Amino acid sequence: MPTASTVPLIILLMVLWRLSRGELLSIVLFVSIFGAASAINVAGAGVAPWTFAMAIGIVVKALRGFPRLRIIAGCNVAAVRLLLVFVCYAIWTGMVHPFLFHGITVLSAHGGAQPLHWGTANLFQIIYLIQLVTLYLIGIFSTRATLQSAMKWYVRGCLVISFFAFYQLANAVLHIPYPSSLLYSNPVYVIYPAYKINGMWRLNSTLTEASSMAFYLSVGIALQGWRVLTEPLRWCSSLVLPILVVSLLLTQSTTGYLCLIFILAVAGILYGIYLLRRGRIPRAIFIWFVLFAIVGTVMFATTSAPAVVQKEIKSVLLEKENSASYRERTAANVGAMQSAEQTYFLGAGWGSLRCSGIVYMLIGTVGIPGLLLFVTFLASLFVPLLSKRQAFSRSWLYEPALFATVVCVFAMALAGAEPVLPILWVLFAAASAGPQLLPDRSVKSASTYPYLAARSGGMADIAHV
């Protein structure tokens, strides 16, 4: 049956279809930011907006006639095969292992220890996995420009998350009406709306909880940060990055803060290598650093910012182990390892248990074989960087997608469950597409620096945020 989100979502899909020219990946990633909403309710369960958008988009494209399918030229075929093998194995475990290891104790997705049995949790997670591998295949059989456009639409979606976060903050402080019934219409999810920690508001925006918001924004920051550092300065594009960073800070999420530190560390190393090879700092980047230093110094000298920062670091990072959520997640991870041990580390089956951290989840559900398949797939994505023949154009798709994929996996290693988020699988597709190889005659003139994208072409050819 329809929900409060149904009609607005349909209108949004019509607008997105026109603006994106019917690019399904772009539409799916944009609407995926409404993670706490339900497009329609079926048998008491909410259908996620991105699932609804994907189903409608496939039907419309089928009626219009699909173009001839052709895999992206230069695609990393080994990575594609490894991921498909992993998906098939995960589905196998979800269908068979609950019967094979029936009765062992698992911490179910609904909470609480109970005997292992096949149920709706396995079915739903398998359905999600099939939907996501379909999204992955759509990406592999599209074009690099389509994948790049999808990631730019995702960043735009992150801006919408930021807008609703500021709107939510205004609602909390000034009591401005907030469309909670529109954004939080999924009856299955437990929603954790804005609340205070140490006198500061912790926001969740359009997602179910603050940590989910932090995950989405971390990926957006990785993609937009790469763009800011590797393209000619555009003030509008550059302002997007601090907006996303400020929004992430408002989540007060340990995962989000650690992801931000991770992004700064890795990006700093890569950009430092780039500057050493370049021999000078680009003027635009230098100006930004000077402005940031001046503003930061003034704020710390004239406001209570030092005390606020100290309180945040202490409560979110240093004393996290004293929180109830940390103890709950740790107990879930211990339960996952115990379940894995009872299954001889073959796993209790995809969707059979609940834990926090993708490594624990994989070991607990698909076992050591599934973990090895997944890690091997991730490793295969880096193979083009190690190739002796690096005659590819400065990658405006592959390298930022690979960087964002690393950030995704890092975030999920800290606090994540099944890898069933659309952005992750579109990034998998973009990273699997690999860099665009140049013809042999262009080898001598090709840029072989594998770390950063070019400062012209590629991204610059697509409409900016």
Protein backbone atom coordinates (compact mmCIF):
# COMPACT_ATOMS: atom_id res chain seq x y z
CA MET A 1 0.00 0.00 0.00
CA PRO A 2 1.17 3.60 -0.57
CA THR A 3 2.95 5.57 2.14
CA ALA A 4 3.41 9.27 2.77
CA SER A 5 6.54 9.05 0.60
CA THR A 6 4.95 7.40 -2.45
CA VAL A 7 3.60 10.38 -4.39
CA PRO A 8 6.58 12.70 -3.67
CA LEU A 9 8.94 9.88 -4.68
CA ILE A 10 7.14 9.31 -7.99
CA ILE A 11 7.31 13.03 -8.75
CA LEU A 12 11.01 13.04 -7.85
CA LEU A 13 11.65 10.06 -10.13
CA MET A 14 9.98 11.85 -13.03
CA VAL A 15 12.16 14.91 -12.46
CA LEU A 16 15.32 12.83 -12.12
CA TRP A 17 14.50 10.85 -15.25
CA ARG A 18 14.37 14.07 -17.23
CA LEU A 19 17.42 15.69 -15.66
CA SER A 20 19.61 12.58 -15.90
CA ARG A 21 18.24 11.66 -19.35
CA GLY A 22 17.05 8.33 -18.08
CA GLU A 23 20.35 7.17 -16.57
CA LEU A 24 19.19 4.45 -14.19
CA LEU A 25 22.37 4.34 -12.10
CA SER A 26 22.20 8.08 -11.41
CA ILE A 27 18.55 7.88 -10.38
CA VAL A 28 19.08 4.88 -8.11
CA LEU A 29 22.05 6.44 -6.32
CA PHE A 30 20.28 9.76 -5.80
CA VAL A 31 17.12 8.28 -4.28
CA SER A 32 19.15 5.82 -2.17
CA ILE A 33 19.85 8.71 0.22
CA PHE A 34 16.27 8.42 1.48
CA GLY A 35 17.21 5.34 3.45
CA ALA A 36 14.51 5.65 6.11
CA ALA A 37 11.61 6.04 3.69
CA SER A 38 9.39 3.45 2.06
CA ALA A 39 8.11 3.77 -1.50
CA ILE A 40 5.29 1.32 -0.84
CA ASN A 41 4.51 -1.22 1.86
CA VAL A 42 4.10 -4.86 0.87
CA ALA A 43 2.89 -7.34 3.49
CA GLY A 44 3.99 -4.99 6.28
CA ALA A 45 7.47 -4.52 4.83
CA GLY A 46 8.68 -1.29 3.27
CA VAL A 47 10.16 -1.17 -0.23
CA ALA A 48 13.27 1.01 -0.30
CA PRO A 49 13.07 4.00 -2.67
CA TRP A 50 16.12 2.85 -4.63
CA THR A 51 14.56 -0.60 -5.14
CA PHE A 52 11.33 1.02 -6.33
CA ALA A 53 13.25 3.34 -8.67
CA MET A 54 15.32 0.48 -10.06
CA ALA A 55 12.24 -1.67 -10.74
CA ILE A 56 10.39 1.14 -12.51
CA GLY A 57 13.47 2.11 -14.50
CA ILE A 58 14.09 -1.44 -15.73
CA VAL A 59 10.45 -1.81 -16.76
CA VAL A 60 10.48 1.50 -18.67
CA LYS A 61 13.72 0.64 -20.43
CA ALA A 62 12.41 -2.83 -21.27
CA LEU A 63 9.31 -1.32 -22.87
CA ARG A 64 11.46 1.05 -24.88
CA GLY A 65 13.82 -1.74 -25.89
CA PHE A 66 17.23 -2.37 -24.38
CA PRO A 67 20.24 -1.40 -26.50
CA ARG A 68 22.71 -4.09 -27.44
CA LEU A 69 24.61 -5.13 -24.32
CA ARG A 70 28.35 -4.61 -24.55
CA ILE A 71 30.78 -4.78 -21.66
CA ILE A 72 32.98 -1.72 -21.10
CA ALA A 73 36.12 -1.88 -23.20
CA GLY A 74 39.19 -2.66 -21.10
CA CYS A 75 37.08 -3.96 -18.22
CA ASN A 76 38.80 -5.96 -15.49
CA VAL A 77 37.17 -9.28 -16.41
CA ALA A 78 38.90 -11.15 -13.59
CA ALA A 79 37.33 -8.81 -11.01
CA VAL A 80 33.89 -9.26 -12.58
CA ARG A 81 34.18 -13.04 -12.45
CA LEU A 82 35.41 -13.04 -8.87
CA LEU A 83 32.52 -10.89 -7.69
CA LEU A 84 29.98 -13.05 -9.52
CA VAL A 85 31.49 -16.17 -7.94
CA PHE A 86 31.25 -14.52 -4.53
CA VAL A 87 27.59 -13.60 -5.11
CA CYS A 88 26.73 -17.13 -6.23
CA TYR A 89 28.49 -18.58 -3.21
CA ALA A 90 26.73 -16.13 -0.86
CA ILE A 91 23.34 -17.10 -2.31
CA TRP A 92 24.27 -20.77 -1.93
CA THR A 93 25.11 -20.29 1.75
CA GLY A 94 21.89 -18.37 2.34
CA MET A 95 19.82 -21.17 0.83
CA VAL A 96 21.69 -24.23 2.13
CA HIS A 97 23.69 -23.48 5.28
CA PRO A 98 20.69 -22.68 7.52
CA PHE A 99 19.52 -26.25 6.85
CA LEU A 100 23.01 -27.75 6.97
CA PHE A 101 23.79 -26.22 10.38
CA HIS A 102 20.23 -26.08 11.65
CA GLY A 103 19.93 -25.46 15.38
CA ILE A 104 23.22 -23.78 16.17
CA THR A 105 22.99 -20.57 18.19
CA VAL A 106 23.11 -17.33 16.21
CA LEU A 107 22.41 -13.70 17.01
CA SER A 108 19.62 -13.06 14.54
CA ALA A 109 18.99 -9.93 12.53
CA HIS A 110 15.94 -9.26 14.70
CA GLY A 111 18.02 -9.32 17.86
CA GLY A 112 18.53 -12.00 20.49
CA ALA A 113 20.17 -15.41 20.37
CA GLN A 114 18.12 -18.13 18.75
CA PRO A 115 18.57 -21.47 16.95
CA LEU A 116 19.61 -21.15 13.32
CA HIS A 117 16.84 -21.75 10.81
CA TRP A 118 16.05 -20.54 7.33
CA GLY A 119 13.70 -17.56 7.39
CA THR A 120 12.64 -14.29 5.84
CA ALA A 121 15.93 -12.62 6.83
CA ASN A 122 17.81 -15.00 4.52
CA LEU A 123 15.27 -14.49 1.75
CA PHE A 124 15.31 -10.69 1.94
CA GLN A 125 19.11 -10.48 2.06
CA ILE A 126 19.37 -12.78 -0.96
CA ILE A 127 16.86 -10.61 -2.84
CA TYR A 128 18.88 -7.49 -1.93
CA LEU A 129 22.04 -9.19 -3.16
CA ILE A 130 20.43 -10.11 -6.48
CA GLN A 131 19.20 -6.54 -6.92
CA LEU A 132 22.66 -5.15 -6.22
CA VAL A 133 24.52 -7.52 -8.51
CA THR A 134 22.00 -6.50 -11.20
CA LEU A 135 22.94 -2.88 -10.50
CA TYR A 136 26.59 -3.89 -10.79
CA LEU A 137 26.00 -5.58 -14.15
CA ILE A 138 24.09 -2.54 -15.42
CA GLY A 139 27.19 -0.52 -14.60
CA ILE A 140 29.55 -2.98 -16.28
CA PHE A 141 27.43 -2.97 -19.44
CA SER A 142 27.07 0.81 -19.55
CA THR A 143 29.83 3.35 -20.25
CA ARG A 144 32.47 5.07 -18.19
CA ALA A 145 30.69 8.38 -18.73
CA THR A 146 27.47 6.89 -17.34
CA LEU A 147 29.27 5.60 -14.24
CA GLN A 148 30.96 8.95 -13.71
CA SER A 149 27.63 10.73 -14.03
CA ALA A 150 26.13 8.36 -11.46
CA MET A 151 28.81 9.23 -8.93
CA LYS A 152 28.25 12.94 -9.51
CA TRP A 153 24.54 12.44 -8.86
CA TYR A 154 25.45 10.61 -5.65
CA VAL A 155 27.42 13.66 -4.48
CA ARG A 156 24.38 15.79 -5.28
CA GLY A 157 22.38 13.39 -3.13
CA CYS A 158 24.86 13.93 -0.31
CA LEU A 159 24.18 17.64 -0.62
CA VAL A 160 20.48 16.88 -0.12
CA ILE A 161 21.42 14.90 3.00
CA SER A 162 23.29 17.97 4.24
CA PHE A 163 20.33 20.23 3.50
CA PHE A 164 17.97 18.04 5.53
CA ALA A 165 20.57 17.79 8.30
CA PHE A 166 20.64 21.59 8.65
CA TYR A 167 16.85 21.61 8.37
CA GLN A 168 16.68 19.00 11.13
CA LEU A 169 18.99 21.09 13.30
CA ALA A 170 16.73 24.12 12.77
CA ASN A 171 13.77 21.96 13.76
CA ALA A 172 15.52 20.85 16.94
CA VAL A 173 16.64 24.34 17.96
CA LEU A 174 13.93 26.61 16.53
CA HIS A 175 11.08 24.06 16.34
CA ILE A 176 10.53 24.62 12.62
CA PRO A 177 8.18 21.92 11.24
CA TYR A 178 10.14 18.96 9.86
CA PRO A 179 8.70 16.39 7.37
CA SER A 180 9.35 13.34 9.54
CA SER A 181 6.34 11.43 8.22
CA LEU A 182 7.63 11.90 4.69
CA LEU A 183 11.24 10.93 5.36
CA TYR A 184 10.71 8.16 7.94
CA SER A 185 7.89 6.12 6.42
CA ASN A 186 9.47 2.67 6.45
CA PRO A 187 7.63 0.61 9.11
CA VAL A 188 10.38 -2.00 9.39
CA TYR A 189 13.28 0.25 10.37
CA VAL A 190 13.94 1.63 13.81
CA ILE A 191 14.57 5.36 13.36
CA TYR A 192 16.92 7.28 15.64
CA PRO A 193 16.00 10.95 15.06
CA ALA A 194 17.98 13.93 16.31
CA TYR A 195 19.02 13.84 19.96
CA LYS A 196 21.65 15.46 22.14
CA ILE A 197 25.04 14.07 23.20
CA ASN A 198 27.06 16.20 25.61
CA GLY A 199 24.89 19.19 24.83
CA MET A 200 25.30 18.89 21.04
CA TRP A 201 22.75 17.65 18.56
CA ARG A 202 23.37 14.36 16.80
CA LEU A 203 21.58 14.30 13.44
CA ASN A 204 20.43 11.53 11.10
CA SER A 205 18.91 13.62 8.26
CA THR A 206 17.18 11.33 5.72
CA LEU A 207 18.73 8.11 7.06
CA THR A 208 17.74 5.77 9.85
CA GLU A 209 20.53 6.84 12.20
CA ALA A 210 23.53 9.12 12.47
CA SER A 211 26.08 6.42 11.64
CA SER A 212 24.29 5.69 8.35
CA MET A 213 24.38 9.39 7.51
CA ALA A 214 28.09 9.42 8.31
CA PHE A 215 28.70 6.49 5.98
CA TYR A 216 26.94 8.14 3.04
CA LEU A 217 28.73 11.45 3.61
CA SER A 218 32.14 9.78 3.97
CA VAL A 219 31.82 8.33 0.48
CA GLY A 220 30.62 11.67 -0.86
CA ILE A 221 33.58 13.44 0.76
CA ALA A 222 35.99 10.93 -0.80
CA LEU A 223 34.55 11.47 -4.28
CA GLN A 224 34.24 15.25 -4.02
CA GLY A 225 37.62 15.61 -2.32
CA TRP A 226 39.29 13.79 -5.20
CA ARG A 227 37.54 16.07 -7.63
CA VAL A 228 38.56 19.25 -5.81
CA LEU A 229 42.22 18.20 -5.64
CA THR A 230 42.49 17.04 -9.24
CA GLU A 231 40.50 19.56 -11.27
CA PRO A 232 40.85 23.26 -12.00
CA LEU A 233 39.42 25.34 -9.17
CA ARG A 234 35.70 25.95 -9.35
CA TRP A 235 34.33 27.76 -6.33
CA CYS A 236 30.90 26.17 -6.46
CA SER A 237 32.37 22.68 -6.61
CA SER A 238 34.92 23.49 -3.90
CA LEU A 239 32.26 24.78 -1.48
CA VAL A 240 30.48 21.43 -1.65
CA LEU A 241 33.34 19.72 0.18
CA PRO A 242 33.25 21.80 3.42
CA ILE A 243 29.45 21.52 3.48
CA LEU A 244 29.72 17.73 3.45
CA VAL A 245 32.45 17.79 6.09
CA VAL A 246 30.43 20.00 8.44
CA SER A 247 27.39 17.75 7.96
CA LEU A 248 29.47 14.70 8.82
CA LEU A 249 30.71 16.36 12.01
CA LEU A 250 27.09 16.89 13.05
CA THR A 251 26.54 13.12 13.10
CA GLN A 252 28.87 12.70 16.10
CA SER A 253 29.57 9.25 14.67
CA THR A 254 32.76 7.42 15.60
CA THR A 255 32.72 5.66 12.24
CA GLY A 256 32.27 8.96 10.42
CA TYR A 257 35.07 10.69 12.32
CA LEU A 258 37.49 7.80 11.79
CA CYS A 259 36.59 7.74 8.08
CA LEU A 260 37.32 11.46 7.85
CA ILE A 261 40.70 10.92 9.50
CA PHE A 262 41.37 8.01 7.13
CA ILE A 263 40.44 10.09 4.07
CA LEU A 264 42.68 12.96 5.17
CA ALA A 265 45.60 10.61 5.85
CA VAL A 266 45.39 8.67 2.57
CA ALA A 267 44.61 11.73 0.47
CA GLY A 268 47.47 13.60 2.14
CA ILE A 269 49.94 10.83 1.30
CA LEU A 270 48.78 10.53 -2.31
CA TYR A 271 48.68 14.26 -2.87
CA GLY A 272 52.05 14.69 -1.20
CA ILE A 273 53.57 12.19 -3.65
CA TYR A 274 51.90 14.07 -6.49
CA LEU A 275 53.32 17.42 -5.31
CA LEU A 276 56.81 15.95 -4.97
CA ARG A 277 56.67 14.80 -8.58
CA ARG A 278 55.08 18.01 -9.75
CA GLY A 279 57.62 20.17 -7.93
CA ARG A 280 55.20 22.93 -6.90
CA ILE A 281 51.85 23.49 -5.19
CA PRO A 282 48.96 24.53 -7.48
CA ARG A 283 47.95 28.13 -6.78
CA ALA A 284 44.26 27.30 -6.21
CA ILE A 285 45.06 24.63 -3.63
CA PHE A 286 47.52 26.96 -1.90
CA ILE A 287 44.83 29.66 -1.65
CA TRP A 288 42.37 27.19 -0.16
CA PHE A 289 44.88 26.03 2.44
CA VAL A 290 45.70 29.61 3.44
CA LEU A 291 42.00 30.52 3.77
CA PHE A 292 41.34 27.39 5.80
CA ALA A 293 44.27 28.14 8.11
CA ILE A 294 43.16 31.74 8.63
CA VAL A 295 39.53 30.85 9.35
CA GLY A 296 40.56 28.00 11.66
CA THR A 297 42.97 30.18 13.59
CA VAL A 298 40.40 32.95 14.05
CA MET A 299 37.72 30.49 15.20
CA PHE A 300 39.99 28.81 17.73
CA ALA A 301 41.24 32.13 19.05
CA THR A 302 37.92 33.94 19.39
CA THR A 303 35.36 31.22 20.18
CA SER A 304 34.88 28.20 22.42
CA ALA A 305 35.85 25.91 19.54
CA PRO A 306 38.86 24.34 21.35
CA ALA A 307 36.65 23.18 24.24
CA VAL A 308 34.01 21.84 21.85
CA VAL A 309 36.59 19.96 19.79
CA GLN A 310 38.16 18.49 22.91
CA LYS A 311 34.76 17.35 24.16
CA GLU A 312 33.92 15.78 20.80
CA ILE A 313 37.20 13.91 20.52
CA LYS A 314 36.87 12.63 24.05
CA SER A 315 33.24 11.48 23.81
CA VAL A 316 33.16 10.22 20.20
CA LEU A 317 36.62 8.69 19.88
CA LEU A 318 38.54 8.26 23.13
CA GLU A 319 35.68 7.09 25.36
CA LYS A 320 33.69 5.19 22.76
CA GLU A 321 34.42 1.85 24.42
CA ASN A 322 32.38 2.99 27.43
CA SER A 323 29.22 3.45 25.37
CA ALA A 324 26.32 1.01 25.20
CA SER A 325 26.51 0.84 21.39
CA TYR A 326 30.16 -0.25 21.54
CA ARG A 327 29.37 -3.02 24.00
CA GLU A 328 26.39 -4.15 21.92
CA ARG A 329 28.42 -4.26 18.71
CA THR A 330 31.29 -6.07 20.40
CA ALA A 331 28.89 -8.70 21.74
CA ALA A 332 27.41 -9.14 18.27
CA ASN A 333 30.86 -9.63 16.76
CA VAL A 334 31.76 -12.20 19.40
CA GLY A 335 28.50 -14.00 18.63
CA ALA A 336 29.33 -14.01 14.92
CA MET A 337 32.70 -15.63 15.57
CA GLN A 338 31.10 -18.23 17.82
CA SER A 339 28.58 -19.04 15.11
CA ALA A 340 31.40 -19.35 12.57
CA GLU A 341 33.24 -21.75 14.86
CA GLN A 342 30.13 -23.92 15.18
CA THR A 343 29.89 -24.12 11.36
CA TYR A 344 33.58 -25.07 10.99
CA PHE A 345 34.10 -21.55 9.60
CA LEU A 346 31.90 -22.26 6.59
CA GLY A 347 29.35 -19.66 7.78
CA ALA A 348 25.77 -19.80 8.97
CA GLY A 349 24.46 -18.53 5.64
CA TRP A 350 23.87 -15.13 4.03
CA GLY A 351 21.41 -13.15 6.14
CA SER A 352 21.45 -15.57 9.08
CA LEU A 353 22.94 -13.33 11.73
CA ARG A 354 23.56 -9.75 12.78
CA CYS A 355 26.88 -8.17 13.70
CA SER A 356 28.89 -4.98 13.30
CA GLY A 357 31.83 -5.01 10.92
CA ILE A 358 32.01 -6.53 7.46
CA VAL A 359 34.86 -8.90 8.36
CA TYR A 360 32.88 -10.44 11.22
CA MET A 361 29.78 -10.51 9.05
CA LEU A 362 31.51 -12.35 6.23
CA ILE A 363 33.14 -14.89 8.53
CA GLY A 364 29.86 -15.46 10.35
CA THR A 365 27.67 -15.80 7.25
CA VAL A 366 29.79 -17.04 4.32
CA GLY A 367 32.76 -18.27 6.30
CA ILE A 368 36.43 -18.24 5.42
CA PRO A 369 35.77 -19.27 1.77
CA GLY A 370 33.46 -16.29 1.25
CA LEU A 371 35.85 -13.92 3.01
CA LEU A 372 38.72 -15.06 0.80
CA LEU A 373 36.60 -14.60 -2.34
CA PHE A 374 35.61 -11.09 -1.30
CA VAL A 375 39.16 -10.07 -0.36
CA THR A 376 40.51 -11.53 -3.61
CA PHE A 377 37.95 -9.51 -5.56
CA LEU A 378 38.98 -6.32 -3.75
CA ALA A 379 42.64 -7.06 -4.43
CA SER A 380 41.92 -7.64 -8.12
CA LEU A 381 40.59 -4.09 -8.41
CA PHE A 382 44.14 -2.79 -7.79
CA VAL A 383 45.76 -4.91 -10.51
CA PRO A 384 45.66 -2.13 -13.19
CA LEU A 385 47.74 0.10 -10.89
CA LEU A 386 50.45 -2.56 -10.76
CA SER A 387 50.50 -3.20 -14.49
CA LYS A 388 53.81 -2.54 -16.20
CA ARG A 389 51.94 -1.12 -19.17
CA GLN A 390 50.32 1.93 -17.62
CA ALA A 391 49.40 3.52 -20.93
CA PHE A 392 46.06 4.83 -19.82
CA SER A 393 44.63 8.28 -19.69
CA ARG A 394 44.58 10.05 -16.35
CA SER A 395 41.63 8.17 -14.98
CA TRP A 396 38.67 10.42 -14.23
CA LEU A 397 36.68 7.34 -13.20
CA TYR A 398 38.80 4.41 -12.08
CA GLU A 399 41.05 6.07 -9.51
CA PRO A 400 38.43 8.12 -7.62
CA ALA A 401 36.09 5.11 -7.66
CA LEU A 402 38.87 2.93 -6.26
CA PHE A 403 39.60 5.49 -3.55
CA ALA A 404 35.92 5.74 -2.60
CA THR A 405 35.66 1.93 -2.58
CA VAL A 406 38.51 1.76 -0.08
CA VAL A 407 36.72 4.34 2.09
CA CYS A 408 33.49 2.30 1.85
CA VAL A 409 35.17 -0.92 2.92
CA PHE A 410 37.03 0.87 5.71
CA ALA A 411 33.74 2.28 7.05
CA MET A 412 32.05 -1.12 6.84
CA ALA A 413 34.99 -2.76 8.60
CA LEU A 414 34.43 -0.37 11.51
CA ALA A 415 30.66 -0.73 11.75
CA GLY A 416 28.75 -2.36 8.95
CA ALA A 417 26.66 -5.38 8.19
CA GLU A 418 25.94 -6.96 4.80
CA PRO A 419 27.40 -4.96 1.87
CA VAL A 420 23.97 -4.11 0.45
CA LEU A 421 24.28 -0.39 -0.27
CA PRO A 422 23.81 0.72 -3.90
CA ILE A 423 26.75 3.15 -3.91
CA LEU A 424 29.15 0.36 -2.96
CA TRP A 425 28.11 -1.79 -5.92
CA VAL A 426 28.22 1.09 -8.39
CA LEU A 427 31.72 1.84 -7.12
CA PHE A 428 32.55 -1.84 -7.61
CA ALA A 429 31.38 -1.48 -11.22
CA ALA A 430 33.39 1.72 -11.76
CA ALA A 431 36.53 0.19 -10.26
CA SER A 432 35.98 -3.02 -12.25
CA ALA A 433 35.73 -0.96 -15.43
CA GLY A 434 39.38 -0.13 -14.92
CA PRO A 435 41.30 2.74 -16.47
CA GLN A 436 40.69 3.62 -20.07
CA LEU A 437 43.59 2.26 -22.09
CA LEU A 438 45.15 4.37 -24.80
CA PRO A 439 46.10 3.09 -28.25
CA ASP A 440 49.65 1.80 -28.60
CA ARG A 441 50.68 4.84 -30.63
CA SER A 442 49.79 7.03 -27.65
CA VAL A 443 51.99 5.20 -25.16
CA LYS A 444 54.80 7.72 -25.29
CA SER A 445 52.50 10.67 -24.74
CA ALA A 446 50.32 8.97 -22.15
CA SER A 447 50.31 10.08 -18.57
CA THR A 448 51.43 7.15 -16.47
CA TYR A 449 51.02 8.62 -13.03
CA PRO A 450 48.55 6.24 -11.35
CA TYR A 451 47.65 8.18 -8.24
CA LEU A 452 45.68 11.22 -9.27
CA ALA A 453 43.23 12.06 -12.01
CA ALA A 454 43.94 14.69 -14.64
CA ARG A 455 43.28 18.37 -14.23
CA SER A 456 41.39 18.57 -17.47
CA GLY A 457 39.05 16.36 -19.46
CA GLY A 458 36.99 13.55 -18.02
CA MET A 459 35.32 15.08 -15.02
CA ALA A 460 35.43 18.55 -16.50
CA ASP A 461 33.38 17.40 -19.46
CA ILE A 462 30.40 16.57 -17.26
CA ALA A 463 28.05 19.12 -15.69
CA HIS A 464 29.26 20.25 -12.31
CA VAL A 465 27.39 20.22 -9.05
